[in-house]
């Protein structure tokens, strides 16, 4: 019941663009993680290949505009991250697994997806360190006090959500890099006007 109530709250407070996962997929994976039940999933890779996998879900997180689950993949015999919008079926099994008490799902996803295969973002915030940290999601990036404000740096796989986040801030910003983020922010600001 608690898992379903949490899911209902997530769906209620998220915007339509943030929900690209079928409710039953989200519910099945989150419930299985909560109850430590092994599941069988059908997963479609980035290039469109489908595989059947047995999977022990450790948890579900929302990061960089996508829902992810992390856990032990029996096919690969290792920990894997799966995007929930690429899972087409979830079936629970009668097997349970022992969760790893020292494993932090969010840390794992942030570390894995912050690899240098995306954009390196650098922005100057003209505000205080405390206000900058309160205005952005925890663990999104790093903050450094510099001469002309707060230097914020992060890695991003996509720039559209970073641009939307920057537009929502209530203090002046200056984008140092990448140029594509400036273009994305201009496009978004023109739509807002």
C-alpha atoms as a PDB file:
ATOM      1  CA  UNK A   1       0.000   0.000   0.000  1.00  0.00           C
ATOM      2  CA  UNK A   2       2.807   2.417   0.853  1.00  0.00           C
ATOM      3  CA  UNK A   3       4.490   1.878  -2.511  1.00  0.00           C
ATOM      4  CA  UNK A   4       1.255   2.531  -4.398  1.00  0.00           C
ATOM      5  CA  UNK A   5       0.586   5.709  -2.392  1.00  0.00           C
ATOM      6  CA  UNK A   6       4.097   6.961  -3.170  1.00  0.00           C
ATOM      7  CA  UNK A   7       3.608   6.181  -6.862  1.00  0.00           C
ATOM      8  CA  UNK A   8       0.303   8.034  -6.918  1.00  0.00           C
ATOM      9  CA  UNK A   9       2.010  11.081  -5.397  1.00  0.00           C
ATOM     10  CA  UNK A  10       4.825  10.899  -7.956  1.00  0.00           C
ATOM     11  CA  UNK A  11       2.338  10.758 -10.802  1.00  0.00           C
ATOM     12  CA  UNK A  12       0.251  13.561  -9.286  1.00  0.00           C
ATOM     13  CA  UNK A  13       3.129  16.007  -8.886  1.00  0.00           C
ATOM     14  CA  UNK A  14       5.029  15.218 -12.097  1.00  0.00           C
ATOM     15  CA  UNK A  15       4.268  16.996 -15.331  1.00  0.00           C
ATOM     16  CA  UNK A  16       3.059  14.965 -18.331  1.00  0.00           C
ATOM     17  CA  UNK A  17       6.476  15.253 -19.990  1.00  0.00           C
ATOM     18  CA  UNK A  18       8.093  13.651 -16.948  1.00  0.00           C
ATOM     19  CA  UNK A  19       5.916  10.528 -17.087  1.00  0.00           C
ATOM     20  CA  UNK A  20       6.925   8.371 -20.002  1.00  0.00           C
ATOM     21  CA  UNK A  21       6.526   5.051 -18.183  1.00  0.00           C
ATOM     22  CA  UNK A  22       3.423   2.912 -18.000  1.00  0.00           C
ATOM     23  CA  UNK A  23       1.952   2.946 -14.514  1.00  0.00           C
ATOM     24  CA  UNK A  24       1.827  -0.874 -14.251  1.00  0.00           C
ATOM     25  CA  UNK A  25       5.542  -1.168 -15.166  1.00  0.00           C
ATOM     26  CA  UNK A  26       6.494   1.435 -12.567  1.00  0.00           C
ATOM     27  CA  UNK A  27       4.258  -0.167  -9.946  1.00  0.00           C
ATOM     28  CA  UNK A  28       5.490  -3.722 -10.606  1.00  0.00           C
ATOM     29  CA  UNK A  29       9.174  -2.795 -10.454  1.00  0.00           C
ATOM     30  CA  UNK A  30       8.821  -0.527  -7.405  1.00  0.00           C
ATOM     31  CA  UNK A  31       6.711  -3.096  -5.533  1.00  0.00           C
ATOM     32  CA  UNK A  32       9.186  -5.858  -6.345  1.00  0.00           C
ATOM     33  CA  UNK A  33      12.077  -3.722  -5.099  1.00  0.00           C
ATOM     34  CA  UNK A  34      10.159  -2.945  -1.905  1.00  0.00           C
ATOM     35  CA  UNK A  35       9.316  -6.636  -1.330  1.00  0.00           C
ATOM     36  CA  UNK A  36      12.704  -7.938  -2.623  1.00  0.00           C
ATOM     37  CA  UNK A  37      11.072 -10.164  -5.249  1.00  0.00           C
ATOM     38  CA  UNK A  38      12.926 -11.256  -8.395  1.00  0.00           C
ATOM     39  CA  UNK A  39      11.168 -10.327 -11.653  1.00  0.00           C
ATOM     40  CA  UNK A  40      11.328 -11.375 -15.293  1.00  0.00           C
ATOM     41  CA  UNK A  41      11.473  -8.383 -17.610  1.00  0.00           C
ATOM     42  CA  UNK A  42      11.440  -7.801 -21.345  1.00  0.00           C
ATOM     43  CA  UNK A  43      13.892  -4.992 -22.103  1.00  0.00           C
ATOM     44  CA  UNK A  44      14.545  -3.093 -25.305  1.00  0.00           C
ATOM     45  CA  UNK A  45      18.077  -1.767 -25.743  1.00  0.00           C
ATOM     46  CA  UNK A  46      18.954   1.590 -27.275  1.00  0.00           C
ATOM     47  CA  UNK A  47      19.355  -0.028 -30.711  1.00  0.00           C
ATOM     48  CA  UNK A  48      15.987  -1.817 -30.474  1.00  0.00           C
ATOM     49  CA  UNK A  49      17.091  -5.343 -29.522  1.00  0.00           C
ATOM     50  CA  UNK A  50      14.762  -7.077 -27.043  1.00  0.00           C
ATOM     51  CA  UNK A  51      16.009  -9.456 -24.360  1.00  0.00           C
ATOM     52  CA  UNK A  52      14.323 -11.444 -21.602  1.00  0.00           C
ATOM     53  CA  UNK A  53      16.066 -10.994 -18.271  1.00  0.00           C
ATOM     54  CA  UNK A  54      15.680 -12.169 -14.709  1.00  0.00           C
ATOM     55  CA  UNK A  55      16.307  -9.181 -12.472  1.00  0.00           C
ATOM     56  CA  UNK A  56      16.564  -8.322  -8.747  1.00  0.00           C
ATOM     57  CA  UNK A  57      15.441  -4.653  -8.552  1.00  0.00           C
ATOM     58  CA  UNK A  58      17.200  -2.732  -5.777  1.00  0.00           C
ATOM     59  CA  UNK A  59      15.201   0.449  -6.318  1.00  0.00           C
ATOM     60  CA  UNK A  60      13.715   3.023  -8.687  1.00  0.00           C
ATOM     61  CA  UNK A  61      15.043   6.566  -9.177  1.00  0.00           C
ATOM     62  CA  UNK A  62      14.251   9.575 -11.334  1.00  0.00           C
ATOM     63  CA  UNK A  63      17.368  11.162 -12.809  1.00  0.00           C
ATOM     64  CA  UNK A  64      17.879  13.496 -15.769  1.00  0.00           C
ATOM     65  CA  UNK A  65      14.256  13.219 -16.912  1.00  0.00           C
ATOM     66  CA  UNK A  66      14.151   9.418 -16.973  1.00  0.00           C
ATOM     67  CA  UNK A  67      13.001   6.749 -14.525  1.00  0.00           C
ATOM     68  CA  UNK A  68      15.622   4.055 -13.876  1.00  0.00           C
ATOM     69  CA  UNK A  69      15.802   0.833 -11.939  1.00  0.00           C
ATOM     70  CA  UNK A  70      19.070  -0.625 -10.679  1.00  0.00           C
ATOM     71  CA  UNK A  71      19.692  -4.166  -9.577  1.00  0.00           C
ATOM     72  CA  UNK A  72      21.292  -7.499 -10.275  1.00  0.00           C
ATOM     73  CA  UNK A  73      20.806  -8.817 -13.820  1.00  0.00           C
ATOM     74  CA  UNK A  74      20.956 -12.629 -13.845  1.00  0.00           C
ATOM     75  CA  UNK A  75      21.678 -12.642 -17.599  1.00  0.00           C
ATOM     76  CA  UNK A  76      24.800 -10.473 -17.292  1.00  0.00           C
ATOM     77  CA  UNK A  77      25.608 -11.633 -13.742  1.00  0.00           C
ATOM     78  CA  UNK A  78      26.284  -8.048 -12.709  1.00  0.00           C
ATOM     79  CA  UNK A  79      24.553  -4.872 -11.544  1.00  0.00           C
ATOM     80  CA  UNK A  80      22.749  -3.072 -14.355  1.00  0.00           C
ATOM     81  CA  UNK A  81      20.662   0.080 -14.863  1.00  0.00           C
ATOM     82  CA  UNK A  82      17.473  -0.204 -16.914  1.00  0.00           C
ATOM     83  CA  UNK A  83      15.330   2.697 -18.087  1.00  0.00           C
ATOM     84  CA  UNK A  84      11.739   1.958 -17.132  1.00  0.00           C
ATOM     85  CA  UNK A  85      10.348   3.280 -20.417  1.00  0.00           C
ATOM     86  CA  UNK A  86      12.289   0.525 -22.220  1.00  0.00           C
ATOM     87  CA  UNK A  87      10.754  -2.268 -20.141  1.00  0.00           C
ATOM     88  CA  UNK A  88       7.714  -3.677 -21.934  1.00  0.00           C
ATOM     89  CA  UNK A  89       6.744  -6.496 -19.528  1.00  0.00           C
ATOM     90  CA  UNK A  90       7.336  -7.305 -15.864  1.00  0.00           C
ATOM     91  CA  UNK A  91       6.363 -10.612 -14.284  1.00  0.00           C
ATOM     92  CA  UNK A  92       7.017 -11.395 -10.644  1.00  0.00           C
ATOM     93  CA  UNK A  93       8.511 -14.751  -9.714  1.00  0.00           C
ATOM     94  CA  UNK A  94       8.315 -16.794  -6.538  1.00  0.00           C
ATOM     95  CA  UNK A  95      11.985 -16.053  -5.819  1.00  0.00           C
ATOM     96  CA  UNK A  96      13.220 -13.448  -3.383  1.00  0.00           C
ATOM     97  CA  UNK A  97      16.638 -11.855  -3.052  1.00  0.00           C
ATOM     98  CA  UNK A  98      18.640 -10.371  -0.225  1.00  0.00           C
ATOM     99  CA  UNK A  99      19.068  -6.615  -0.673  1.00  0.00           C
ATOM    100  CA  UNK A 100      22.512  -5.082  -0.322  1.00  0.00           C
ATOM    101  CA  UNK A 101      22.296  -2.789   2.727  1.00  0.00           C
ATOM    102  CA  UNK A 102      25.331  -0.740   1.642  1.00  0.00           C
ATOM    103  CA  UNK A 103      24.031  -0.062  -1.881  1.00  0.00           C
ATOM    104  CA  UNK A 104      22.758   3.433  -2.736  1.00  0.00           C
ATOM    105  CA  UNK A 105      20.664   3.311  -5.916  1.00  0.00           C
ATOM    106  CA  UNK A 106      20.741   7.072  -6.542  1.00  0.00           C
ATOM    107  CA  UNK A 107      24.530   7.295  -6.072  1.00  0.00           C
ATOM    108  CA  UNK A 108      24.994   4.412  -8.485  1.00  0.00           C
ATOM    109  CA  UNK A 109      22.813   6.014 -11.177  1.00  0.00           C
ATOM    110  CA  UNK A 110      24.402   9.458 -10.769  1.00  0.00           C
ATOM    111  CA  UNK A 111      27.921   8.002 -11.002  1.00  0.00           C
ATOM    112  CA  UNK A 112      27.094   5.804 -13.994  1.00  0.00           C
ATOM    113  CA  UNK A 113      25.201   8.435 -15.984  1.00  0.00           C
ATOM    114  CA  UNK A 114      27.581  11.284 -15.214  1.00  0.00           C
ATOM    115  CA  UNK A 115      30.253   9.616 -17.298  1.00  0.00           C
ATOM    116  CA  UNK A 116      31.945  11.861 -19.873  1.00  0.00           C
ATOM    117  CA  UNK A 117      29.704  10.665 -22.724  1.00  0.00           C
ATOM    118  CA  UNK A 118      27.373  13.643 -22.397  1.00  0.00           C
ATOM    119  CA  UNK A 119      27.736  17.399 -22.008  1.00  0.00           C
ATOM    120  CA  UNK A 120      29.935  19.116 -19.446  1.00  0.00           C
ATOM    121  CA  UNK A 121      27.863  22.029 -18.119  1.00  0.00           C
ATOM    122  CA  UNK A 122      29.379  25.096 -16.432  1.00  0.00           C
ATOM    123  CA  UNK A 123      27.178  27.963 -15.260  1.00  0.00           C
ATOM    124  CA  UNK A 124      27.857  30.982 -13.038  1.00  0.00           C
ATOM    125  CA  UNK A 125      25.054  31.695 -10.564  1.00  0.00           C
ATOM    126  CA  UNK A 126      24.860  35.274  -9.261  1.00  0.00           C
ATOM    127  CA  UNK A 127      23.622  34.350  -5.812  1.00  0.00           C
ATOM    128  CA  UNK A 128      24.821  32.875  -2.545  1.00  0.00           C
ATOM    129  CA  UNK A 129      26.070  29.315  -2.176  1.00  0.00           C
ATOM    130  CA  UNK A 130      23.190  28.455   0.160  1.00  0.00           C
ATOM    131  CA  UNK A 131      20.519  29.719  -2.231  1.00  0.00           C
ATOM    132  CA  UNK A 132      22.113  27.934  -5.203  1.00  0.00           C
ATOM    133  CA  UNK A 133      22.204  24.628  -3.319  1.00  0.00           C
ATOM    134  CA  UNK A 134      18.571  25.011  -2.212  1.00  0.00           C
ATOM    135  CA  UNK A 135      17.451  25.758  -5.778  1.00  0.00           C
ATOM    136  CA  UNK A 136      18.742  22.589  -7.427  1.00  0.00           C
ATOM    137  CA  UNK A 137      18.227  18.864  -6.819  1.00  0.00           C
ATOM    138  CA  UNK A 138      20.756  17.292  -4.431  1.00  0.00           C
ATOM    139  CA  UNK A 139      23.727  15.549  -6.067  1.00  0.00           C
ATOM    140  CA  UNK A 140      23.009  17.096  -9.446  1.00  0.00           C
ATOM    141  CA  UNK A 141      26.420  18.733  -9.644  1.00  0.00           C
ATOM    142  CA  UNK A 142      29.085  20.640  -7.756  1.00  0.00           C
ATOM    143  CA  UNK A 143      29.146  24.208  -6.463  1.00  0.00           C
ATOM    144  CA  UNK A 144      32.245  26.355  -6.068  1.00  0.00           C
ATOM    145  CA  UNK A 145      32.481  29.912  -4.776  1.00  0.00           C
ATOM    146  CA  UNK A 146      34.318  32.008  -7.364  1.00  0.00           C
ATOM    147  CA  UNK A 147      34.988  35.733  -7.753  1.00  0.00           C
ATOM    148  CA  UNK A 148      31.816  36.542  -9.710  1.00  0.00           C
ATOM    149  CA  UNK A 149      29.385  34.146  -8.016  1.00  0.00           C
ATOM    150  CA  UNK A 150      28.881  30.408  -7.709  1.00  0.00           C
ATOM    151  CA  UNK A 151      30.326  28.100 -10.353  1.00  0.00           C
ATOM    152  CA  UNK A 152      27.957  25.185 -10.930  1.00  0.00           C
ATOM    153  CA  UNK A 153      29.226  22.186 -12.903  1.00  0.00           C
ATOM    154  CA  UNK A 154      27.544  18.945 -13.869  1.00  0.00           C
ATOM    155  CA  UNK A 155      27.427  16.309 -16.590  1.00  0.00           C
ATOM    156  CA  UNK A 156      24.227  15.887 -18.574  1.00  0.00           C
ATOM    157  CA  UNK A 157      23.145  13.390 -21.186  1.00  0.00           C
ATOM    158  CA  UNK A 158      20.513  15.835 -22.510  1.00  0.00           C
ATOM    159  CA  UNK A 159      20.339  19.616 -22.348  1.00  0.00           C
ATOM    160  CA  UNK A 160      16.577  20.213 -22.607  1.00  0.00           C
ATOM    161  CA  UNK A 161      15.907  19.482 -18.947  1.00  0.00           C
ATOM    162  CA  UNK A 162      18.974  21.471 -17.787  1.00  0.00           C
ATOM    163  CA  UNK A 163      17.714  24.474 -19.787  1.00  0.00           C
ATOM    164  CA  UNK A 164      14.274  24.184 -18.177  1.00  0.00           C
ATOM    165  CA  UNK A 165      15.904  23.998 -14.762  1.00  0.00           C
ATOM    166  CA  UNK A 166      18.036  27.088 -15.455  1.00  0.00           C
ATOM    167  CA  UNK A 167      14.963  29.002 -16.653  1.00  0.00           C
ATOM    168  CA  UNK A 168      13.191  28.243 -13.360  1.00  0.00           C
ATOM    169  CA  UNK A 169      15.897  29.839 -11.187  1.00  0.00           C
ATOM    170  CA  UNK A 170      15.096  33.203  -9.603  1.00  0.00           C
ATOM    171  CA  UNK A 171      18.591  34.667  -9.829  1.00  0.00           C
ATOM    172  CA  UNK A 172      20.783  35.716 -12.789  1.00  0.00           C
ATOM    173  CA  UNK A 173      22.895  33.055 -14.490  1.00  0.00           C
ATOM    174  CA  UNK A 174      25.697  33.079 -17.056  1.00  0.00           C
ATOM    175  CA  UNK A 175      26.291  29.937 -19.102  1.00  0.00           C
ATOM    176  CA  UNK A 176      29.974  29.285 -19.670  1.00  0.00           C
ATOM    177  CA  UNK A 177      29.548  26.024 -21.582  1.00  0.00           C
ATOM    178  CA  UNK A 178      28.302  24.359 -23.682  1.00  0.00           C
ATOM    179  CA  UNK A 179      27.088  26.746 -26.375  1.00  0.00           C
ATOM    180  CA  UNK A 180      24.272  24.287 -27.118  1.00  0.00           C
ATOM    181  CA  UNK A 181      22.825  24.983 -23.654  1.00  0.00           C
ATOM    182  CA  UNK A 182      22.579  28.693 -24.505  1.00  0.00           C
ATOM    183  CA  UNK A 183      20.723  27.811 -27.698  1.00  0.00           C
ATOM    184  CA  UNK A 184      18.405  25.443 -25.829  1.00  0.00           C
ATOM    185  CA  UNK A 185      17.676  28.130 -23.209  1.00  0.00           C
ATOM    186  CA  UNK A 186      16.922  30.748 -25.900  1.00  0.00           C
ATOM    187  CA  UNK A 187      14.486  28.365 -27.607  1.00  0.00           C
ATOM    188  CA  UNK A 188      12.764  27.606 -24.320  1.00  0.00           C
ATOM    189  CA  UNK A 189      12.578  31.302 -23.361  1.00  0.00           C
ATOM    190  CA  UNK A 190      11.034  32.167 -26.745  1.00  0.00           C
ATOM    191  CA  UNK A 191       8.378  29.493 -26.209  1.00  0.00           C
ATOM    192  CA  UNK A 192       7.680  30.929 -22.760  1.00  0.00           C
ATOM    193  CA  UNK A 193       7.231  34.413 -24.221  1.00  0.00           C
END
